[in-house]
Protein backbone atom coordinates (compact mmCIF):
# COMPACT_ATOMS: atom_id res chain seq x y z
CA MET A 1 -27.04 -10.51 -16.74
CA SER A 2 -26.04 -7.04 -17.96
CA ASP A 3 -26.90 -5.24 -21.15
CA THR A 4 -24.38 -4.76 -23.95
CA ARG A 5 -22.98 -1.58 -22.42
CA GLY A 6 -21.26 -3.54 -19.72
CA TRP A 7 -21.56 -4.41 -16.06
CA GLN A 8 -23.02 -2.16 -13.39
CA PRO A 9 -20.83 -1.60 -10.31
CA TRP A 10 -23.18 -3.54 -8.03
CA GLU A 11 -22.97 -6.60 -10.29
CA LEU A 12 -19.29 -7.25 -9.48
CA ALA A 13 -19.38 -9.99 -6.87
CA TYR A 14 -16.90 -11.94 -4.82
CA CYS A 15 -17.26 -15.52 -3.66
CA SER A 16 -17.97 -16.08 0.02
CA ASN A 17 -15.98 -19.32 0.16
CA VAL A 18 -13.18 -17.13 1.49
CA HIS A 19 -15.12 -17.05 4.77
CA PRO A 20 -15.44 -20.12 7.04
CA GLY A 21 -18.90 -21.31 8.01
CA GLU A 22 -20.77 -24.59 7.74
CA ARG A 23 -24.12 -23.62 9.33
CA SER A 24 -26.85 -21.27 8.16
CA ASP A 25 -26.34 -18.91 11.10
CA GLU A 26 -22.62 -18.69 10.25
CA ILE A 27 -23.42 -17.87 6.62
CA LEU A 28 -25.86 -15.18 7.75
CA ALA A 29 -23.21 -13.71 10.04
CA THR A 30 -20.86 -13.58 7.05
CA VAL A 31 -23.49 -11.67 5.08
CA GLN A 32 -23.96 -9.14 7.88
CA ARG A 33 -20.33 -8.75 8.92
CA CYS A 34 -18.28 -9.20 5.76
CA ILE A 35 -20.34 -9.05 2.57
CA ALA A 36 -22.26 -5.99 3.76
CA GLY A 37 -18.92 -4.60 4.91
CA VAL A 38 -17.50 -4.91 1.41
CA ARG A 39 -20.61 -3.21 0.02
CA GLY A 40 -20.11 -0.35 2.46
CA SER A 41 -16.39 -0.08 1.69
CA ARG A 42 -17.22 0.23 -2.00
CA GLY A 43 -19.85 2.90 -1.33
CA LEU A 44 -22.62 0.95 -3.06
CA ASP A 45 -26.33 0.87 -2.25
CA THR A 46 -26.56 -2.80 -3.25
CA LEU A 47 -24.04 -5.55 -3.98
CA ALA A 48 -24.31 -8.83 -5.83
CA THR A 49 -22.94 -11.81 -3.99
CA GLY A 50 -21.63 -15.19 -4.88
CA LEU A 51 -22.41 -17.31 -1.85
CA TRP A 52 -20.84 -20.62 -0.99
CA LEU A 53 -23.60 -22.82 0.44
CA PRO A 54 -22.27 -26.05 1.99
CA ALA A 55 -24.46 -29.12 1.46
CA GLN A 56 -25.85 -28.99 4.99
CA VAL A 57 -26.96 -25.37 4.58
CA ALA A 58 -28.36 -25.93 1.08
CA GLN A 59 -30.52 -28.79 2.31
CA GLU A 60 -31.73 -26.80 5.31
CA LEU A 61 -32.70 -23.81 3.16
CA ALA A 62 -34.39 -26.01 0.57
CA THR A 63 -36.54 -27.83 3.13
CA ASP A 64 -37.10 -25.34 5.98
CA ALA A 65 -39.37 -22.47 4.97
CA GLN A 66 -38.68 -20.53 8.17
CA CYS A 67 -34.94 -20.72 7.68
CA LEU A 68 -35.31 -19.67 4.05
CA THR A 69 -37.41 -16.67 5.04
CA ARG A 70 -34.82 -15.58 7.61
CA PHE A 71 -32.13 -15.87 4.95
CA LYS A 72 -34.15 -13.81 2.47
CA GLU A 73 -34.82 -11.11 5.06
CA THR A 74 -31.14 -10.89 6.03
CA LEU A 75 -30.07 -10.48 2.42
CA ALA A 76 -32.70 -7.75 1.92
CA GLU A 77 -31.79 -5.91 5.14
CA ASN A 78 -28.14 -5.79 4.09
CA ARG A 79 -29.01 -4.94 0.45
CA ILE A 80 -27.26 -8.02 -0.87
CA ILE A 81 -28.48 -9.56 -4.14
CA LEU A 82 -27.97 -13.28 -4.61
CA CYS A 83 -26.94 -13.87 -8.22
CA THR A 84 -24.73 -16.95 -8.11
CA VAL A 85 -23.77 -19.78 -5.78
CA ASN A 86 -20.52 -21.70 -5.56
CA GLY A 87 -21.62 -25.34 -5.54
CA PHE A 88 -18.11 -26.76 -5.95
CA PRO A 89 -17.03 -27.58 -2.35
CA PHE A 90 -19.56 -29.94 -0.74
CA GLY A 91 -18.45 -29.03 2.76
CA GLY A 92 -15.46 -28.71 5.06
CA PHE A 93 -13.80 -26.13 2.84
CA HIS A 94 -11.93 -24.59 5.77
CA ALA A 95 -10.82 -27.85 7.37
CA ALA A 96 -7.17 -28.18 8.35
CA SER A 97 -6.58 -30.24 5.20
CA VAL A 98 -8.96 -30.12 2.23
CA LYS A 99 -6.72 -31.12 -0.70
CA GLU A 100 -8.42 -33.59 -3.12
CA ASN A 101 -11.42 -34.00 -0.79
CA VAL A 102 -12.81 -30.88 -2.46
CA TYR A 103 -13.70 -33.06 -5.47
CA SER A 104 -15.96 -35.39 -3.46
CA PRO A 105 -18.67 -36.32 -4.05
CA ASP A 106 -18.13 -36.20 -7.79
CA TRP A 107 -20.79 -36.05 -10.51
CA ALA A 108 -21.07 -39.85 -10.66
CA ASP A 109 -22.30 -39.81 -7.05
CA PRO A 110 -26.04 -39.04 -6.56
CA GLN A 111 -25.14 -36.84 -3.58
CA ARG A 112 -23.71 -34.26 -5.99
CA SER A 113 -26.96 -34.02 -7.94
CA ALA A 114 -29.03 -33.76 -4.76
CA TYR A 115 -26.77 -31.01 -3.41
CA THR A 116 -26.94 -29.01 -6.64
CA SER A 117 -30.71 -29.42 -6.88
CA ASN A 118 -31.05 -28.02 -3.36
CA ILE A 119 -28.96 -25.01 -4.34
CA ALA A 120 -31.20 -24.46 -7.37
CA THR A 121 -34.28 -24.50 -5.14
CA VAL A 122 -32.68 -21.86 -2.93
CA LEU A 123 -31.64 -19.69 -5.87
CA ALA A 124 -35.14 -19.81 -7.34
CA ALA A 125 -36.53 -18.60 -4.03
CA LEU A 126 -33.95 -15.92 -3.22
CA SER A 127 -32.79 -14.43 -6.51
CA PRO A 128 -34.59 -11.23 -7.61
CA GLU A 129 -36.84 -11.02 -10.63
CA HIS A 130 -34.61 -8.52 -12.44
CA VAL A 131 -31.69 -10.96 -12.65
CA ALA A 132 -32.41 -12.82 -15.88
CA GLU A 133 -30.20 -15.81 -15.14
CA THR A 134 -28.49 -17.08 -12.02
CA THR A 135 -25.68 -19.61 -11.95
CA ILE A 136 -24.23 -22.43 -9.90
CA SER A 137 -20.56 -23.22 -10.43
CA THR A 138 -19.59 -26.84 -9.91
CA LEU A 139 -16.64 -29.19 -10.26
CA PRO A 140 -15.61 -30.42 -13.73
CA LEU A 141 -17.05 -33.90 -13.18
CA GLY A 142 -14.42 -35.14 -10.73
CA PHE A 143 -10.78 -35.76 -9.88
CA ALA A 144 -9.00 -37.28 -12.90
CA ALA A 145 -6.98 -39.76 -10.82
CA HIS A 146 -10.20 -41.35 -9.52
CA TRP A 147 -12.10 -41.39 -12.85
CA SER A 148 -13.33 -44.13 -15.20
CA ASP A 149 -15.43 -44.50 -18.35
CA ASP A 150 -18.33 -45.76 -16.25
CA LYS A 151 -18.16 -42.70 -14.02
CA HIS A 152 -18.01 -40.49 -17.10
CA ASP A 153 -21.27 -41.91 -18.44
CA HIS A 154 -23.01 -41.69 -15.06
CA ALA A 155 -21.89 -38.09 -14.59
CA ALA A 156 -23.09 -36.98 -18.02
CA ARG A 157 -26.50 -38.55 -17.52
CA ALA A 158 -26.79 -37.02 -14.05
CA LEU A 159 -26.11 -33.56 -15.47
CA VAL A 160 -28.66 -34.07 -18.24
CA ARG A 161 -31.29 -35.12 -15.69
CA LEU A 162 -30.43 -32.06 -13.62
CA ALA A 163 -30.91 -29.85 -16.70
CA ALA A 164 -34.38 -31.33 -17.10
CA THR A 165 -35.12 -30.57 -13.44
CA LEU A 166 -33.95 -26.98 -13.92
CA GLY A 167 -36.22 -26.70 -16.96
CA GLU A 168 -39.18 -27.78 -14.85
CA LEU A 169 -38.13 -25.31 -12.13
CA PHE A 170 -38.12 -22.52 -14.71
CA ASP A 171 -41.60 -23.49 -15.87
CA ARG A 172 -42.87 -23.27 -12.27
CA THR A 173 -41.02 -20.17 -11.08
CA GLY A 174 -39.81 -18.23 -14.11
CA LYS A 175 -36.26 -18.37 -12.68
CA ARG A 176 -33.62 -19.54 -15.17
CA ILE A 177 -30.67 -21.25 -13.52
CA ARG A 178 -27.53 -22.48 -15.26
CA VAL A 179 -25.12 -25.02 -13.75
CA CYS A 180 -21.60 -24.17 -14.91
CA LEU A 181 -18.76 -26.70 -14.94
CA GLU A 182 -15.50 -25.14 -13.79
CA MET A 183 -12.41 -26.53 -15.52
CA GLU A 184 -9.52 -27.13 -13.13
CA PRO A 185 -6.01 -28.63 -13.42
CA GLY A 186 -5.94 -32.26 -12.32
CA CYS A 187 -9.65 -32.77 -12.95
CA VAL A 188 -11.51 -34.69 -15.65
CA LEU A 189 -12.10 -31.44 -17.55
CA GLU A 190 -8.98 -29.33 -17.20
CA THR A 191 -8.57 -27.92 -20.73
CA THR A 192 -10.92 -26.02 -22.97
CA ALA A 193 -10.61 -28.78 -25.58
CA GLN A 194 -11.84 -31.35 -23.06
CA ALA A 195 -14.79 -29.13 -22.13
CA VAL A 196 -15.74 -28.70 -25.78
CA GLN A 197 -15.56 -32.45 -26.33
CA PHE A 198 -17.82 -33.04 -23.33
CA PHE A 199 -20.42 -30.47 -24.35
CA MET A 200 -20.46 -31.28 -28.05
CA ASN A 201 -20.28 -35.08 -27.90
CA THR A 202 -20.77 -36.60 -24.45
CA LEU A 203 -23.73 -34.51 -23.29
CA PRO A 204 -25.78 -34.88 -26.52
CA LYS A 205 -25.33 -38.66 -26.33
CA ALA A 206 -26.45 -38.65 -22.68
CA ALA A 207 -29.41 -36.42 -23.58
CA ARG A 208 -30.59 -38.94 -26.17
CA LEU A 209 -30.34 -41.76 -23.65
CA GLU A 210 -32.28 -39.76 -21.06
CA GLY A 211 -34.85 -38.44 -23.52
CA VAL A 212 -34.01 -34.80 -22.77
CA ALA A 213 -34.04 -32.17 -25.52
CA ASN A 214 -30.68 -30.62 -26.40
CA ARG A 215 -32.36 -27.22 -26.03
CA ILE A 216 -32.92 -27.90 -22.32
CA VAL A 217 -29.32 -29.02 -21.85
CA SER A 218 -27.86 -25.96 -23.60
CA THR A 219 -30.17 -23.62 -21.67
CA HIS A 220 -29.31 -24.94 -18.22
CA LEU A 221 -25.71 -26.18 -18.48
CA GLY A 222 -22.59 -24.19 -19.28
CA VAL A 223 -19.05 -23.36 -18.27
CA CYS A 224 -17.60 -21.42 -15.36
CA PHE A 225 -14.35 -19.98 -16.71
CA ASP A 226 -11.85 -19.61 -13.86
CA ILE A 227 -9.07 -17.40 -15.21
CA CYS A 228 -6.49 -18.69 -12.70
CA HIS A 229 -7.13 -22.31 -13.67
CA GLN A 230 -6.70 -21.78 -17.40
CA ALA A 231 -3.64 -19.61 -16.81
CA VAL A 232 -2.06 -22.46 -14.83
CA MET A 233 -2.72 -24.67 -17.87
CA PHE A 234 -0.81 -22.08 -19.94
CA GLU A 235 -3.85 -21.63 -22.16
CA ASP A 236 -4.26 -18.45 -24.15
CA VAL A 237 -7.45 -17.32 -22.43
CA SER A 238 -8.70 -15.27 -25.39
CA THR A 239 -8.36 -18.30 -27.67
CA SER A 240 -10.06 -20.48 -25.05
CA LEU A 241 -13.04 -18.16 -24.83
CA ALA A 242 -13.28 -17.83 -28.61
CA THR A 243 -13.28 -21.63 -28.88
CA LEU A 244 -16.13 -21.92 -26.39
CA LEU A 245 -18.08 -19.17 -28.14
CA GLU A 246 -17.59 -20.80 -31.55
CA ALA A 247 -18.83 -24.11 -30.12
CA ASP A 248 -21.95 -22.31 -28.83
CA ILE A 249 -21.12 -23.24 -25.22
CA THR A 250 -22.39 -20.65 -22.78
CA VAL A 251 -19.91 -19.22 -20.29
CA GLY A 252 -22.40 -18.33 -17.58
CA LYS A 253 -19.84 -17.20 -15.08
CA VAL A 254 -16.24 -16.00 -15.04
CA GLN A 255 -14.32 -16.40 -11.82
CA VAL A 256 -11.91 -13.51 -11.87
CA SER A 257 -8.78 -14.95 -10.31
CA SER A 258 -5.03 -14.83 -10.59
CA ALA A 259 -2.33 -17.51 -10.23
CA VAL A 260 1.29 -17.41 -9.08
CA HIS A 261 3.81 -17.08 -11.92
CA VAL A 262 7.42 -18.17 -11.39
CA SER A 263 9.66 -16.87 -14.16
CA ASP A 264 12.88 -18.49 -12.90
CA PRO A 265 12.27 -21.68 -10.90
CA ALA A 266 15.96 -22.54 -11.25
CA SER A 267 16.72 -19.84 -8.67
CA ALA A 268 17.16 -21.35 -5.21
CA SER A 269 16.06 -18.11 -3.55
CA THR A 270 12.91 -17.99 -5.69
CA ARG A 271 12.05 -21.58 -4.77
CA ALA A 272 12.60 -20.75 -1.11
CA THR A 273 10.16 -17.87 -1.42
CA LEU A 274 7.70 -20.06 -3.32
CA SER A 275 7.82 -22.67 -0.56
CA GLN A 276 5.87 -20.23 1.63
CA PHE A 277 2.86 -20.96 -0.62
CA ALA A 278 3.09 -24.73 0.00
CA GLU A 279 0.48 -24.68 2.76
CA PRO A 280 -1.40 -27.74 4.08
CA ARG A 281 -5.06 -26.89 3.40
CA TYR A 282 -5.58 -26.69 -0.36
CA LEU A 283 -4.19 -28.38 -3.45
CA HIS A 284 -1.87 -26.09 -5.40
CA GLN A 285 -1.38 -27.78 -8.75
CA ALA A 286 1.69 -26.62 -10.69
CA ARG A 287 2.69 -26.75 -14.34
CA SER A 288 5.63 -25.60 -16.40
CA ALA A 289 5.38 -23.78 -19.69
CA ARG A 290 6.23 -26.61 -22.09
CA SER A 291 6.05 -29.77 -20.04
CA THR A 292 2.94 -31.95 -20.14
CA VAL A 293 3.54 -32.92 -16.51
CA THR A 294 1.07 -31.56 -13.97
CA CYS A 295 2.15 -31.67 -10.36
CA LEU A 296 -0.89 -32.23 -8.21
CA ASP A 297 0.57 -30.15 -5.41
CA LEU A 298 3.28 -27.53 -5.06
CA PRO A 299 5.60 -29.59 -2.80
CA ASP A 300 6.00 -32.08 -5.67
CA ALA A 301 7.18 -29.31 -7.98
CA LEU A 302 9.56 -27.96 -5.38
CA ALA A 303 10.96 -31.48 -4.88
CA GLY A 304 11.97 -31.67 -8.56
CA ALA A 305 8.93 -33.05 -10.43
CA LEU A 306 8.89 -30.08 -12.84
CA PRO A 307 11.73 -28.89 -15.09
CA ARG A 308 13.41 -25.78 -13.76
CA ASP A 309 14.52 -24.32 -17.09
CA GLU A 310 11.09 -22.92 -17.97
CA PRO A 311 8.48 -20.84 -16.11
CA TRP A 312 6.02 -22.38 -13.68
CA ARG A 313 2.50 -21.45 -12.78
CA VAL A 314 0.84 -22.47 -9.53
CA HIS A 315 -2.84 -22.87 -8.72
CA PHE A 316 -2.87 -20.51 -5.75
CA HIS A 317 -5.53 -17.80 -6.01
CA VAL A 318 -3.75 -14.55 -5.14
CA PRO A 319 -5.29 -11.07 -4.82
CA ILE A 320 -6.22 -9.92 -8.30
CA HIS A 321 -4.97 -6.35 -7.84
CA SER A 322 -1.43 -7.65 -7.25
CA GLN A 323 0.90 -7.87 -10.24
CA HIS A 324 3.89 -8.82 -8.07
CA LEU A 325 3.93 -10.84 -4.85
CA LEU A 326 7.20 -11.60 -3.10
CA ALA A 327 10.77 -11.62 -4.46
CA GLY A 328 10.92 -13.65 -7.67
CA LEU A 329 7.17 -14.22 -7.83
CA SER A 330 4.63 -12.42 -9.99
CA THR A 331 1.04 -13.20 -11.00
CA THR A 332 -1.05 -13.97 -14.07
CA GLN A 333 -2.99 -10.74 -13.63
CA ALA A 334 -2.47 -9.94 -17.33
CA ASP A 335 -4.81 -12.80 -18.22
CA ILE A 336 -7.63 -11.01 -16.43
CA GLY A 337 -7.01 -8.09 -18.75
CA HIS A 338 -7.11 -10.42 -21.75
CA VAL A 339 -10.53 -11.73 -20.66
CA LEU A 340 -11.84 -8.19 -20.26
CA ASP A 341 -10.42 -7.30 -23.69
CA PHE A 342 -12.36 -10.26 -25.06
CA ALA A 343 -15.51 -8.88 -23.45
CA ALA A 344 -14.87 -5.48 -25.00
CA ALA A 345 -14.54 -7.10 -28.43
CA HIS A 346 -17.73 -9.16 -28.00
CA PRO A 347 -20.51 -6.79 -26.87
CA THR A 348 -23.12 -9.50 -26.34
CA TRP A 349 -20.83 -11.65 -24.17
CA ARG A 350 -21.75 -10.72 -20.60
CA PRO A 351 -21.24 -13.55 -18.09
CA GLN A 352 -21.47 -13.00 -14.36
CA LEU A 353 -18.17 -11.80 -12.91
CA GLU A 354 -17.13 -13.15 -9.53
CA VAL A 355 -13.79 -12.55 -7.85
CA GLU A 356 -12.70 -15.77 -6.18
CA THR A 357 -9.66 -15.27 -3.98
CA TYR A 358 -10.51 -17.85 -1.34
CA THR A 359 -6.94 -18.18 -0.09
CA TRP A 360 -6.51 -14.92 1.83
CA SER A 361 -6.19 -16.80 5.15
CA VAL A 362 -3.41 -19.11 3.89
CA LEU A 363 -1.25 -16.50 2.15
CA PRO A 364 2.30 -15.98 3.47
CA PRO A 365 2.33 -13.72 6.56
CA GLU A 366 3.43 -10.63 4.64
CA LEU A 367 0.32 -10.84 2.44
CA CYS A 368 -2.25 -12.26 4.87
CA PRO A 369 -4.86 -10.01 6.56
CA ASN A 370 -4.78 -10.05 10.35
CA ASN A 371 -8.53 -9.74 10.97
CA ASP A 372 -11.94 -9.47 9.30
CA ALA A 373 -11.63 -5.71 8.88
CA GLU A 374 -8.40 -6.07 6.92
CA LEU A 375 -9.94 -8.91 4.88
CA VAL A 376 -12.96 -6.76 3.98
CA LEU A 377 -10.65 -3.97 2.83
CA GLY A 378 -8.65 -6.43 0.75
CA LEU A 379 -11.78 -7.83 -0.90
CA ALA A 380 -13.07 -4.33 -1.60
CA ARG A 381 -9.70 -3.41 -3.11
CA GLU A 382 -9.93 -6.38 -5.49
CA LEU A 383 -13.40 -5.33 -6.64
CA ASP A 384 -12.31 -1.69 -6.98
CA TRP A 385 -9.40 -2.80 -9.17
CA LEU A 386 -11.75 -4.86 -11.33
CA SER A 387 -14.13 -1.92 -11.59
CA THR A 388 -11.28 0.30 -12.77
CA GLN A 389 -10.20 -2.25 -15.38
CA LEU A 390 -13.76 -2.46 -16.71
CA ALA A 391 -14.09 1.32 -16.82
CA GLN A 392 -10.86 1.62 -18.82
CA ARG A 393 -12.45 -0.62 -21.46
CA ASN A 394 -15.83 1.17 -21.39
CA LEU A 395 -17.35 -1.92 -19.81
CA LEU A 396 -18.60 -0.29 -16.62
CA ASN A 397 -22.18 0.87 -16.95
CA THR A 398 -22.84 3.54 -14.34
CA GLN A 399 -26.19 4.59 -15.81
CA ILE A 400 -29.15 3.87 -13.56
């Protein structure tokens, strides 16, 4: 997306899945009220955005030319540039309880392919010519507890067929789109090693069966590296990225995110503080430093499923500019720095950067914004912090 000097300020995006909205008019209102508000707070003429498009909206935009035109005009009027779409949650992301429903439909279900194809159609129509490649982040095949070998084969072949469709879309429109699988704890692909195995072995086999060239697959499929997720897995993120690079797997998008770190889970007061993060909407997978046990949700860890003599990490996206949260709780913010250090050491590695703190509304009361204006300021503060971190590493390109 950027040249080797780094990222331009406008390219730093945040993901709109933090905002509720299941209809096209609600998404447009988010653009006008919140995304444009963040642009204004940051003092930028234009701002890249990472939209979340629920399945219902993606289908409407892909099939209704009038609706698509209205969407394009609204983005232009608010000087918002569509560079990436979050195609992970299918819908209902702000329901009272989402939990493992966020992984349905999975990649063995044709609905997932249809949804992602609709998003690609929208991206091809709305992304500007000067953005060389746009991305769609998606789930890492499915929820591990519901998986099977048969599903694995179906999912791989579905992704290969999608890559072929994206190749045809590029031939027609000149717009290159990459679908990026986002590793996540508790999913089929949760570690970097599993992702490498899938890209180097499973996908080539599926490509042969489908009669699709490996070149098409490697051009249109890749990885979305969510820093929070790999930190929860206690991966060394620099090693993870180097492994992906060595395997020639494209990281098309990095979701800049931070997890909760618990240095002393044996402390009763720390666990009491941590219990404030055990909210009912989202899954908050937890792991300890040496144990191979993954708790699928924080209440399980608090109830004793994880050892308490070693640090924990919890899949709860917390504001990236925060190094410390509440008493006894810190964050994995340092891992964001490690990823940026990796970028500084690899001048040609320039994925899209998207801050994804979707949990602002379910944070404990002391950390939660009270209204949209406070949320906009919080989002802008995250992007400002990221901008500062990039500038300190000579990765912020302010030349026009």
